[in-house]
Amino acid sequence: MIMDDKFDMGSVVGEPRILFADHGTAQDHFGASVFWMRRMAAIGGEQAAIEDWQIKRDGTERGIVEITVEKS
């Protein structure tokens, strides 16, 4: 997940906090690898960061899901 630079993990409570607090615990709880970073950490821009994360160490691709908020 690419979070806004102002994202404050300390403000996340309850079950959603599991996603941000500990990768292993999130994997066990949700059954999926969840990685996140703040937008400022996306070296080369968001698209470059996503493309980089999509390639596994063995050179194969992993699936990435994009979730966006619809603005009304």
N, C-alpha and C. Protein backbone atom coordinates (compact mmCIF):
# COMPACT_ATOMS: atom_id res chain seq x y z
N MET A 1 0.85 -1.16 0.00
CA MET A 1 0.00 0.00 0.00
C MET A 1 0.90 1.22 0.00
N ILE A 2 0.53 2.18 -0.81
CA ILE A 2 1.23 3.45 -0.80
C ILE A 2 0.33 4.44 -0.08
N MET A 3 0.81 4.86 1.06
CA MET A 3 0.02 5.73 1.91
C MET A 3 0.46 7.18 1.74
N ASP A 4 -0.43 8.10 2.06
CA ASP A 4 -0.12 9.52 2.02
C ASP A 4 1.06 9.80 2.96
N ASP A 5 1.85 10.80 2.63
CA ASP A 5 3.00 11.14 3.47
C ASP A 5 2.59 11.51 4.89
N LYS A 6 1.38 12.00 5.07
CA LYS A 6 0.90 12.41 6.39
C LYS A 6 0.29 11.26 7.18
N PHE A 7 0.28 10.05 6.61
CA PHE A 7 -0.30 8.89 7.28
C PHE A 7 0.36 8.67 8.63
N ASP A 8 -0.47 8.52 9.66
CA ASP A 8 0.01 8.31 11.03
C ASP A 8 -0.45 6.93 11.49
N MET A 9 0.49 5.98 11.50
CA MET A 9 0.16 4.62 11.91
C MET A 9 -0.41 4.58 13.33
N GLY A 10 0.00 5.51 14.16
CA GLY A 10 -0.48 5.56 15.53
C GLY A 10 -1.97 5.84 15.64
N SER A 11 -2.55 6.38 14.58
CA SER A 11 -3.98 6.69 14.62
C SER A 11 -4.85 5.51 14.19
N VAL A 12 -4.21 4.44 13.72
CA VAL A 12 -4.95 3.26 13.27
C VAL A 12 -5.19 2.34 14.47
N VAL A 13 -6.43 1.97 14.69
CA VAL A 13 -6.77 1.13 15.84
C VAL A 13 -7.54 -0.10 15.39
N GLY A 14 -7.63 -1.06 16.27
CA GLY A 14 -8.41 -2.27 15.99
C GLY A 14 -7.74 -3.16 14.96
N GLU A 15 -8.55 -3.96 14.29
CA GLU A 15 -8.06 -4.93 13.33
C GLU A 15 -7.21 -4.31 12.21
N PRO A 16 -7.59 -3.14 11.67
CA PRO A 16 -6.75 -2.55 10.62
C PRO A 16 -5.31 -2.30 11.04
N ARG A 17 -5.08 -2.09 12.32
CA ARG A 17 -3.72 -1.83 12.81
C ARG A 17 -2.80 -3.02 12.53
N ILE A 18 -3.35 -4.22 12.49
CA ILE A 18 -2.56 -5.42 12.23
C ILE A 18 -1.83 -5.29 10.89
N LEU A 19 -2.47 -4.66 9.90
CA LEU A 19 -1.85 -4.50 8.58
C LEU A 19 -0.56 -3.70 8.64
N PHE A 20 -0.51 -2.73 9.53
CA PHE A 20 0.61 -1.80 9.57
C PHE A 20 1.65 -2.13 10.64
N ALA A 21 1.27 -2.85 11.67
CA ALA A 21 2.16 -3.05 12.81
C ALA A 21 3.24 -4.11 12.59
N ASP A 22 2.87 -5.24 12.01
CA ASP A 22 3.83 -6.35 11.91
C ASP A 22 3.49 -7.21 10.70
N HIS A 23 4.44 -7.34 9.78
CA HIS A 23 4.18 -8.07 8.54
C HIS A 23 3.78 -9.53 8.80
N GLY A 24 4.51 -10.22 9.66
CA GLY A 24 4.22 -11.63 9.94
C GLY A 24 2.85 -11.84 10.54
N THR A 25 2.48 -10.97 11.46
CA THR A 25 1.16 -11.06 12.08
C THR A 25 0.07 -10.80 11.05
N ALA A 26 0.29 -9.82 10.18
CA ALA A 26 -0.69 -9.53 9.11
C ALA A 26 -0.82 -10.73 8.18
N GLN A 27 0.30 -11.36 7.85
CA GLN A 27 0.28 -12.54 6.98
C GLN A 27 -0.55 -13.65 7.62
N ASP A 28 -0.32 -13.91 8.89
CA ASP A 28 -1.06 -14.96 9.60
C ASP A 28 -2.54 -14.63 9.71
N HIS A 29 -2.85 -13.38 10.01
CA HIS A 29 -4.24 -12.98 10.26
C HIS A 29 -5.05 -12.88 8.97
N PHE A 30 -4.49 -12.25 7.94
CA PHE A 30 -5.24 -11.99 6.71
C PHE A 30 -4.94 -12.99 5.60
N GLY A 31 -3.88 -13.79 5.76
CA GLY A 31 -3.53 -14.76 4.74
C GLY A 31 -2.97 -14.15 3.47
N ALA A 32 -2.40 -12.97 3.60
CA ALA A 32 -1.82 -12.28 2.44
C ALA A 32 -0.63 -11.46 2.89
N SER A 33 0.36 -11.34 2.02
CA SER A 33 1.49 -10.47 2.31
C SER A 33 1.07 -9.04 2.04
N VAL A 34 1.20 -8.21 3.04
CA VAL A 34 0.81 -6.81 2.91
C VAL A 34 2.03 -5.95 3.20
N PHE A 35 2.42 -5.15 2.22
CA PHE A 35 3.55 -4.24 2.38
C PHE A 35 3.03 -2.83 2.18
N TRP A 36 3.59 -1.89 2.90
CA TRP A 36 3.15 -0.51 2.74
C TRP A 36 4.34 0.42 2.87
N MET A 37 4.16 1.60 2.29
CA MET A 37 5.16 2.66 2.40
C MET A 37 4.45 4.00 2.26
N ARG A 38 5.11 5.03 2.74
CA ARG A 38 4.58 6.37 2.51
C ARG A 38 5.00 6.81 1.11
N ARG A 39 4.19 7.64 0.49
CA ARG A 39 4.43 8.09 -0.88
C ARG A 39 5.85 8.63 -1.06
N MET A 40 6.37 9.35 -0.06
CA MET A 40 7.72 9.93 -0.17
C MET A 40 8.80 8.86 -0.29
N ALA A 41 8.52 7.65 0.13
CA ALA A 41 9.50 6.56 0.07
C ALA A 41 9.49 5.84 -1.27
N ALA A 42 8.57 6.20 -2.14
CA ALA A 42 8.46 5.56 -3.46
C ALA A 42 9.51 6.16 -4.39
N ILE A 43 10.73 5.68 -4.27
CA ILE A 43 11.84 6.20 -5.05
C ILE A 43 11.56 5.99 -6.53
N GLY A 44 11.65 7.06 -7.31
CA GLY A 44 11.36 6.99 -8.73
C GLY A 44 9.89 7.18 -9.04
N GLY A 45 9.08 7.38 -8.01
CA GLY A 45 7.64 7.59 -8.19
C GLY A 45 6.83 6.34 -7.86
N GLU A 46 5.53 6.53 -7.73
CA GLU A 46 4.63 5.43 -7.36
C GLU A 46 4.69 4.27 -8.34
N GLN A 47 4.60 4.57 -9.63
CA GLN A 47 4.57 3.51 -10.63
C GLN A 47 5.84 2.68 -10.58
N ALA A 48 6.99 3.34 -10.45
CA ALA A 48 8.27 2.61 -10.38
C ALA A 48 8.32 1.72 -9.14
N ALA A 49 7.82 2.22 -8.01
CA ALA A 49 7.81 1.44 -6.78
C ALA A 49 6.92 0.21 -6.92
N ILE A 50 5.76 0.39 -7.54
CA ILE A 50 4.83 -0.73 -7.73
C ILE A 50 5.46 -1.77 -8.65
N GLU A 51 6.04 -1.32 -9.75
CA GLU A 51 6.67 -2.25 -10.69
C GLU A 51 7.81 -3.00 -10.03
N ASP A 52 8.58 -2.33 -9.18
CA ASP A 52 9.69 -2.98 -8.48
C ASP A 52 9.18 -4.05 -7.52
N TRP A 53 8.14 -3.74 -6.74
CA TRP A 53 7.59 -4.69 -5.78
C TRP A 53 6.94 -5.88 -6.46
N GLN A 54 6.54 -5.70 -7.73
CA GLN A 54 5.86 -6.78 -8.42
C GLN A 54 6.80 -7.92 -8.81
N ILE A 55 8.09 -7.66 -8.87
CA ILE A 55 9.06 -8.68 -9.26
C ILE A 55 9.62 -9.37 -8.02
N LYS A 56 9.43 -10.68 -7.96
CA LYS A 56 9.96 -11.46 -6.84
C LYS A 56 11.45 -11.70 -7.02
N ARG A 57 12.09 -12.18 -6.00
CA ARG A 57 13.53 -12.45 -6.05
C ARG A 57 13.89 -13.45 -7.14
N ASP A 58 12.97 -14.38 -7.45
CA ASP A 58 13.26 -15.38 -8.49
C ASP A 58 12.94 -14.88 -9.90
N GLY A 59 12.54 -13.60 -10.01
CA GLY A 59 12.27 -13.00 -11.30
C GLY A 59 10.83 -13.12 -11.78
N THR A 60 10.02 -13.92 -11.10
CA THR A 60 8.61 -14.02 -11.47
C THR A 60 7.84 -12.85 -10.88
N GLU A 61 6.62 -12.65 -11.38
CA GLU A 61 5.81 -11.54 -10.89
C GLU A 61 4.83 -11.99 -9.82
N ARG A 62 4.58 -11.09 -8.88
CA ARG A 62 3.55 -11.33 -7.87
C ARG A 62 2.37 -10.45 -8.22
N GLY A 63 1.21 -10.86 -7.81
CA GLY A 63 0.01 -10.06 -8.06
C GLY A 63 -0.04 -8.86 -7.14
N ILE A 64 -0.48 -7.78 -7.67
CA ILE A 64 -0.65 -6.56 -6.89
C ILE A 64 -2.08 -6.08 -7.11
N VAL A 65 -2.73 -5.70 -6.03
CA VAL A 65 -4.11 -5.22 -6.08
C VAL A 65 -4.10 -3.73 -5.83
N GLU A 66 -4.80 -2.99 -6.68
CA GLU A 66 -4.92 -1.55 -6.48
C GLU A 66 -6.30 -1.24 -5.92
N ILE A 67 -6.33 -0.52 -4.82
CA ILE A 67 -7.59 -0.10 -4.22
C ILE A 67 -7.57 1.42 -4.19
N THR A 68 -8.56 2.01 -4.78
CA THR A 68 -8.63 3.47 -4.80
C THR A 68 -9.93 3.93 -4.16
N VAL A 69 -9.93 5.14 -3.68
CA VAL A 69 -11.12 5.72 -3.07
C VAL A 69 -11.82 6.56 -4.14
N GLU A 70 -13.08 6.27 -4.34
CA GLU A 70 -13.86 7.05 -5.30
C GLU A 70 -14.25 8.36 -4.66
N LYS A 71 -13.90 9.44 -5.32
CA LYS A 71 -14.25 10.76 -4.80
C LYS A 71 -15.62 11.17 -5.33
N SER A 72 -16.47 11.66 -4.44
CA SER A 72 -17.81 12.04 -4.87
C SER A 72 -17.95 13.53 -5.01
